[in-house]
């Protein structure tokens, strides 16, 4: 795939990176790649090898979603791609007996009878 997403299936509320690994025909070094995901926009410059540095987004919601990449040279659009991404739901917040998706243990935080 010409666009890499890391991790491939991000968890909601976590960050993930998107990087162009191979540009489509018509896109040149020095063009700008503008990435859009859920209203968030990041830009990067296309390198001579057809790649971009990674840009970071925060995953929202869950399920199948898309990232749009539009390539421009000045005011001229030189290419575009729509990339699928599947966001995994975050663990339930009321599950206080197990570490959350950041590895923090919240046992007993809201119920003193669960304190260890």
N, C-alpha and C. Protein backbone atom coordinates (compact mmCIF):
# COMPACT_ATOMS: atom_id res chain seq x y z
N UNK A 1 0.85 -1.18 0.00
CA UNK A 1 0.00 0.00 0.00
C UNK A 1 0.89 1.24 0.00
N UNK A 2 0.57 2.24 -0.80
CA UNK A 2 1.41 3.43 -0.89
C UNK A 2 1.34 4.36 0.33
N UNK A 3 0.43 4.09 1.26
CA UNK A 3 0.32 4.87 2.49
C UNK A 3 0.34 3.91 3.66
N UNK A 4 1.26 4.13 4.60
CA UNK A 4 1.38 3.24 5.77
C UNK A 4 0.72 3.89 6.98
N UNK A 5 -0.05 3.09 7.71
CA UNK A 5 -0.70 3.54 8.94
C UNK A 5 -0.13 2.70 10.08
N UNK A 6 0.36 3.37 11.13
CA UNK A 6 0.98 2.68 12.25
C UNK A 6 0.39 3.18 13.57
N UNK A 7 -0.18 2.29 14.38
CA UNK A 7 -0.48 0.88 14.10
C UNK A 7 -1.60 0.77 13.06
N UNK A 8 -1.69 -0.38 12.40
CA UNK A 8 -2.67 -0.54 11.32
C UNK A 8 -4.13 -0.37 11.75
N UNK A 9 -4.46 -0.77 12.98
CA UNK A 9 -5.81 -0.60 13.52
C UNK A 9 -5.72 0.14 14.84
N UNK A 10 -5.63 1.46 14.82
CA UNK A 10 -5.46 2.21 16.07
C UNK A 10 -6.67 2.09 16.99
N UNK A 11 -6.42 2.23 18.29
CA UNK A 11 -7.48 2.20 19.30
C UNK A 11 -8.01 3.63 19.45
N UNK A 12 -9.32 3.76 19.59
CA UNK A 12 -9.93 5.08 19.77
C UNK A 12 -9.23 5.83 20.90
N UNK A 13 -9.05 7.10 20.73
CA UNK A 13 -8.41 8.02 21.68
C UNK A 13 -6.89 7.90 21.71
N UNK A 14 -6.32 7.00 20.93
CA UNK A 14 -4.86 6.88 20.87
C UNK A 14 -4.35 7.58 19.62
N UNK A 15 -3.04 7.79 19.56
CA UNK A 15 -2.47 8.41 18.37
C UNK A 15 -1.98 7.34 17.40
N UNK A 16 -1.95 7.71 16.13
CA UNK A 16 -1.39 6.84 15.10
C UNK A 16 -0.71 7.72 14.06
N UNK A 17 0.20 7.12 13.29
CA UNK A 17 0.90 7.88 12.27
C UNK A 17 0.50 7.42 10.88
N UNK A 18 0.60 8.35 9.94
CA UNK A 18 0.32 8.08 8.54
C UNK A 18 1.51 8.60 7.75
N UNK A 19 1.99 7.78 6.81
CA UNK A 19 3.16 8.16 6.02
C UNK A 19 3.01 7.66 4.60
N UNK A 20 3.28 8.51 3.63
CA UNK A 20 3.28 8.09 2.23
C UNK A 20 4.58 7.34 1.98
N UNK A 21 4.46 6.12 1.44
CA UNK A 21 5.64 5.32 1.13
C UNK A 21 5.91 5.27 -0.37
N UNK A 22 4.92 5.68 -1.17
CA UNK A 22 5.07 5.71 -2.63
C UNK A 22 3.96 6.60 -3.18
N UNK A 23 4.33 7.66 -3.86
CA UNK A 23 3.33 8.59 -4.38
C UNK A 23 2.73 8.10 -5.69
N UNK A 24 1.50 8.53 -5.99
CA UNK A 24 0.90 8.16 -7.27
C UNK A 24 1.56 8.91 -8.43
N UNK A 25 1.33 8.43 -9.64
CA UNK A 25 1.87 9.08 -10.85
C UNK A 25 1.41 10.54 -10.88
N UNK A 26 2.30 11.41 -11.31
CA UNK A 26 1.97 12.83 -11.42
C UNK A 26 2.41 13.66 -10.23
N UNK A 27 2.78 12.99 -9.13
CA UNK A 27 3.23 13.69 -7.92
C UNK A 27 4.76 13.76 -7.96
N UNK A 28 5.31 14.91 -7.65
CA UNK A 28 6.75 15.12 -7.72
C UNK A 28 7.34 15.50 -6.37
N UNK A 29 8.65 15.33 -6.26
CA UNK A 29 9.37 15.78 -5.07
C UNK A 29 9.11 17.27 -4.89
N UNK A 30 8.88 17.68 -3.65
CA UNK A 30 8.60 19.07 -3.35
C UNK A 30 7.12 19.40 -3.30
N UNK A 31 6.28 18.50 -3.85
CA UNK A 31 4.83 18.71 -3.72
C UNK A 31 4.44 18.60 -2.25
N UNK A 32 3.30 19.14 -1.91
CA UNK A 32 2.78 19.05 -0.54
C UNK A 32 1.73 17.97 -0.48
N UNK A 33 1.84 17.09 0.52
CA UNK A 33 0.82 16.08 0.79
C UNK A 33 0.01 16.57 1.98
N UNK A 34 -1.29 16.76 1.79
CA UNK A 34 -2.17 17.19 2.87
C UNK A 34 -3.04 16.01 3.27
N UNK A 35 -2.89 15.58 4.51
CA UNK A 35 -3.62 14.43 5.06
C UNK A 35 -4.81 14.96 5.85
N UNK A 36 -6.00 14.38 5.64
CA UNK A 36 -7.17 14.78 6.41
C UNK A 36 -7.82 13.54 7.00
N UNK A 37 -8.07 13.59 8.30
CA UNK A 37 -8.74 12.51 9.02
C UNK A 37 -9.68 13.14 10.04
N UNK A 38 -10.95 12.87 9.95
CA UNK A 38 -11.97 13.32 10.90
C UNK A 38 -11.83 14.81 11.25
N UNK A 39 -11.65 15.62 10.23
CA UNK A 39 -11.54 17.06 10.44
C UNK A 39 -10.16 17.55 10.86
N UNK A 40 -9.26 16.62 11.16
CA UNK A 40 -7.88 16.97 11.50
C UNK A 40 -7.06 17.00 10.21
N UNK A 41 -6.21 18.01 10.05
CA UNK A 41 -5.39 18.13 8.84
C UNK A 41 -3.93 18.29 9.21
N UNK A 42 -3.07 17.56 8.50
CA UNK A 42 -1.61 17.65 8.65
C UNK A 42 -1.01 17.71 7.25
N UNK A 43 0.12 18.39 7.11
CA UNK A 43 0.79 18.47 5.81
C UNK A 43 2.24 18.03 5.93
N UNK A 44 2.77 17.52 4.82
CA UNK A 44 4.18 17.12 4.74
C UNK A 44 4.65 17.31 3.30
N UNK A 45 5.95 17.49 3.14
CA UNK A 45 6.53 17.67 1.81
C UNK A 45 7.00 16.33 1.27
N UNK A 46 6.70 16.08 0.00
CA UNK A 46 7.12 14.85 -0.66
C UNK A 46 8.62 14.92 -0.94
N UNK A 47 9.35 13.88 -0.52
CA UNK A 47 10.80 13.81 -0.72
C UNK A 47 11.12 13.29 -2.12
N UNK A 48 12.39 13.34 -2.49
CA UNK A 48 12.85 12.88 -3.80
C UNK A 48 12.53 11.41 -4.05
N UNK A 49 12.48 10.60 -2.97
CA UNK A 49 12.20 9.17 -3.13
C UNK A 49 10.70 8.87 -3.14
N UNK A 50 9.84 9.90 -3.15
CA UNK A 50 8.40 9.69 -3.22
C UNK A 50 7.75 9.38 -1.89
N UNK A 51 8.44 9.65 -0.80
CA UNK A 51 7.88 9.40 0.53
C UNK A 51 7.65 10.73 1.26
N UNK A 52 6.95 10.64 2.38
CA UNK A 52 6.80 11.80 3.27
C UNK A 52 7.19 11.38 4.67
N UNK A 53 7.54 12.33 5.52
CA UNK A 53 7.71 11.99 6.93
C UNK A 53 6.33 11.65 7.51
N UNK A 54 6.30 10.90 8.61
CA UNK A 54 5.00 10.56 9.20
C UNK A 54 4.32 11.77 9.82
N UNK A 55 2.99 11.78 9.76
CA UNK A 55 2.17 12.77 10.45
C UNK A 55 1.33 12.02 11.48
N UNK A 56 0.93 12.70 12.54
CA UNK A 56 0.23 12.05 13.66
C UNK A 56 -1.20 12.55 13.79
N UNK A 57 -2.11 11.61 14.03
CA UNK A 57 -3.51 11.91 14.28
C UNK A 57 -3.96 11.21 15.56
N UNK A 58 -5.08 11.65 16.12
CA UNK A 58 -5.71 10.98 17.25
C UNK A 58 -6.94 10.26 16.73
N UNK A 59 -7.01 8.94 16.98
CA UNK A 59 -8.12 8.12 16.51
C UNK A 59 -9.40 8.50 17.25
N UNK A 60 -10.51 8.56 16.52
CA UNK A 60 -11.80 8.87 17.12
C UNK A 60 -12.83 7.83 16.68
N UNK A 61 -13.87 7.68 17.49
CA UNK A 61 -14.94 6.75 17.14
C UNK A 61 -14.44 5.33 17.04
N UNK A 62 -15.07 4.54 16.18
CA UNK A 62 -14.63 3.17 15.93
C UNK A 62 -15.19 2.72 14.59
N UNK A 63 -14.59 1.66 14.07
CA UNK A 63 -15.04 1.10 12.81
C UNK A 63 -14.26 1.62 11.61
N UNK A 64 -14.80 1.33 10.42
CA UNK A 64 -14.15 1.70 9.17
C UNK A 64 -14.24 3.21 8.94
N UNK A 65 -13.11 3.83 8.66
CA UNK A 65 -13.02 5.26 8.42
C UNK A 65 -12.05 5.50 7.27
N UNK A 66 -11.86 6.75 6.89
CA UNK A 66 -10.95 7.04 5.79
C UNK A 66 -10.01 8.20 6.12
N UNK A 67 -8.87 8.16 5.48
CA UNK A 67 -7.90 9.25 5.50
C UNK A 67 -7.76 9.69 4.04
N UNK A 68 -7.85 10.98 3.80
CA UNK A 68 -7.69 11.51 2.46
C UNK A 68 -6.33 12.17 2.35
N UNK A 69 -5.62 11.88 1.27
CA UNK A 69 -4.34 12.52 1.00
C UNK A 69 -4.47 13.26 -0.33
N UNK A 70 -4.28 14.57 -0.30
CA UNK A 70 -4.33 15.38 -1.53
C UNK A 70 -2.94 15.97 -1.74
N UNK A 71 -2.40 15.76 -2.93
CA UNK A 71 -1.07 16.26 -3.29
C UNK A 71 -1.23 17.53 -4.12
N UNK A 72 -0.45 18.55 -3.78
CA UNK A 72 -0.53 19.81 -4.52
C UNK A 72 0.86 20.34 -4.84
N UNK A 73 0.93 21.06 -5.95
CA UNK A 73 2.11 21.82 -6.32
C UNK A 73 1.61 23.25 -6.50
N UNK A 74 1.87 24.09 -5.51
CA UNK A 74 1.27 25.42 -5.52
C UNK A 74 -0.22 25.27 -5.36
N UNK A 75 -0.99 25.83 -6.29
CA UNK A 75 -2.45 25.74 -6.24
C UNK A 75 -2.99 24.59 -7.11
N UNK A 76 -2.09 23.81 -7.73
CA UNK A 76 -2.50 22.73 -8.63
C UNK A 76 -2.52 21.40 -7.90
N UNK A 77 -3.64 20.68 -8.00
CA UNK A 77 -3.73 19.33 -7.42
C UNK A 77 -3.02 18.37 -8.37
N UNK A 78 -2.04 17.63 -7.84
CA UNK A 78 -1.26 16.70 -8.66
C UNK A 78 -1.64 15.24 -8.41
N UNK A 79 -2.44 14.97 -7.39
CA UNK A 79 -2.86 13.61 -7.09
C UNK A 79 -3.70 13.57 -5.83
N UNK A 80 -4.36 12.43 -5.63
CA UNK A 80 -5.18 12.24 -4.43
C UNK A 80 -5.36 10.76 -4.16
N UNK A 81 -5.51 10.42 -2.89
CA UNK A 81 -5.75 9.04 -2.48
C UNK A 81 -6.73 9.04 -1.32
N UNK A 82 -7.54 7.99 -1.24
CA UNK A 82 -8.40 7.76 -0.08
C UNK A 82 -7.95 6.44 0.52
N UNK A 83 -7.57 6.49 1.79
CA UNK A 83 -6.97 5.33 2.46
C UNK A 83 -7.89 4.87 3.59
N UNK A 84 -8.27 3.57 3.61
CA UNK A 84 -9.11 3.09 4.70
C UNK A 84 -8.32 2.86 5.98
N UNK A 85 -8.96 3.10 7.11
CA UNK A 85 -8.38 2.78 8.41
C UNK A 85 -9.51 2.27 9.29
N UNK A 86 -9.24 1.23 10.07
CA UNK A 86 -10.24 0.70 11.00
C UNK A 86 -9.82 1.04 12.41
N UNK A 87 -10.66 1.81 13.10
CA UNK A 87 -10.38 2.20 14.48
C UNK A 87 -11.04 1.21 15.42
N UNK A 88 -10.26 0.68 16.35
CA UNK A 88 -10.74 -0.28 17.34
C UNK A 88 -11.36 0.49 18.51
N UNK A 89 -12.52 0.06 19.02
CA UNK A 89 -13.11 0.76 20.16
C UNK A 89 -12.19 0.74 21.37
N UNK A 90 -12.23 1.81 22.14
CA UNK A 90 -11.47 1.85 23.39
C UNK A 90 -12.14 0.93 24.40
N UNK A 91 -11.37 0.39 25.36
CA UNK A 91 -11.97 -0.44 26.40
C UNK A 91 -12.98 0.37 27.20
N UNK A 92 -13.97 -0.29 27.80
CA UNK A 92 -14.97 0.44 28.58
C UNK A 92 -14.34 1.12 29.79
N UNK A 93 -14.78 2.34 30.08
CA UNK A 93 -14.23 3.10 31.20
C UNK A 93 -14.68 2.55 32.55
N UNK A 94 -15.77 1.80 32.58
CA UNK A 94 -16.27 1.30 33.87
C UNK A 94 -15.60 -0.01 34.28
N UNK A 95 -14.67 -0.51 33.50
CA UNK A 95 -13.96 -1.74 33.83
C UNK A 95 -12.75 -1.37 34.70
N UNK A 96 -13.00 -1.12 35.98
CA UNK A 96 -11.96 -0.61 36.88
C UNK A 96 -11.07 -1.69 37.47
N UNK A 97 -11.39 -2.95 37.20
CA UNK A 97 -10.61 -4.03 37.79
C UNK A 97 -9.44 -4.47 36.89
N UNK A 98 -9.26 -3.79 35.75
CA UNK A 98 -8.20 -4.15 34.81
C UNK A 98 -7.49 -2.88 34.35
N UNK A 99 -6.23 -2.97 33.94
CA UNK A 99 -5.53 -1.79 33.43
C UNK A 99 -6.24 -1.23 32.20
N UNK A 100 -6.23 0.09 32.05
CA UNK A 100 -6.83 0.69 30.86
C UNK A 100 -5.89 0.56 29.67
N UNK A 101 -6.28 1.12 28.53
CA UNK A 101 -5.47 0.97 27.31
C UNK A 101 -4.15 1.72 27.38
N UNK A 102 -3.91 2.48 28.44
CA UNK A 102 -2.62 3.13 28.65
C UNK A 102 -1.78 2.35 29.66
N UNK A 103 -2.33 1.23 30.19
CA UNK A 103 -1.60 0.43 31.16
C UNK A 103 -1.77 0.88 32.60
N UNK A 104 -2.67 1.84 32.84
CA UNK A 104 -2.89 2.32 34.21
C UNK A 104 -3.94 1.48 34.90
N UNK A 105 -3.70 1.12 36.14
CA UNK A 105 -4.65 0.33 36.92
C UNK A 105 -5.51 1.29 37.74
N UNK A 106 -6.81 1.32 37.46
CA UNK A 106 -7.72 2.23 38.15
C UNK A 106 -8.57 1.51 39.19
N UNK A 107 -8.17 0.31 39.60
CA UNK A 107 -8.97 -0.45 40.56
C UNK A 107 -9.18 0.36 41.83
N UNK A 108 -10.43 0.45 42.25
CA UNK A 108 -10.75 1.13 43.49
C UNK A 108 -10.80 2.63 43.40
N UNK A 109 -10.57 3.19 42.25
CA UNK A 109 -10.55 4.64 42.12
C UNK A 109 -11.91 5.25 42.45
N UNK A 110 -13.00 4.59 42.07
CA UNK A 110 -14.33 5.11 42.32
C UNK A 110 -15.08 4.33 43.39
N UNK A 111 -14.63 3.15 43.71
CA UNK A 111 -15.30 2.32 44.70
C UNK A 111 -14.28 1.90 45.75
N UNK A 112 -14.38 2.42 46.98
CA UNK A 112 -13.37 2.11 48.00
C UNK A 112 -13.30 0.64 48.36
N UNK A 113 -14.35 -0.13 48.06
CA UNK A 113 -14.34 -1.56 48.37
C UNK A 113 -13.45 -2.35 47.41
N UNK A 114 -13.07 -1.73 46.28
CA UNK A 114 -12.20 -2.39 45.31
C UNK A 114 -10.73 -2.05 45.51
N UNK A 115 -10.44 -1.13 46.42
CA UNK A 115 -9.04 -0.71 46.61
C UNK A 115 -8.19 -1.88 47.06
N UNK A 116 -6.98 -1.88 46.57
CA UNK A 116 -6.06 -2.98 46.90
C UNK A 116 -5.07 -2.53 47.92
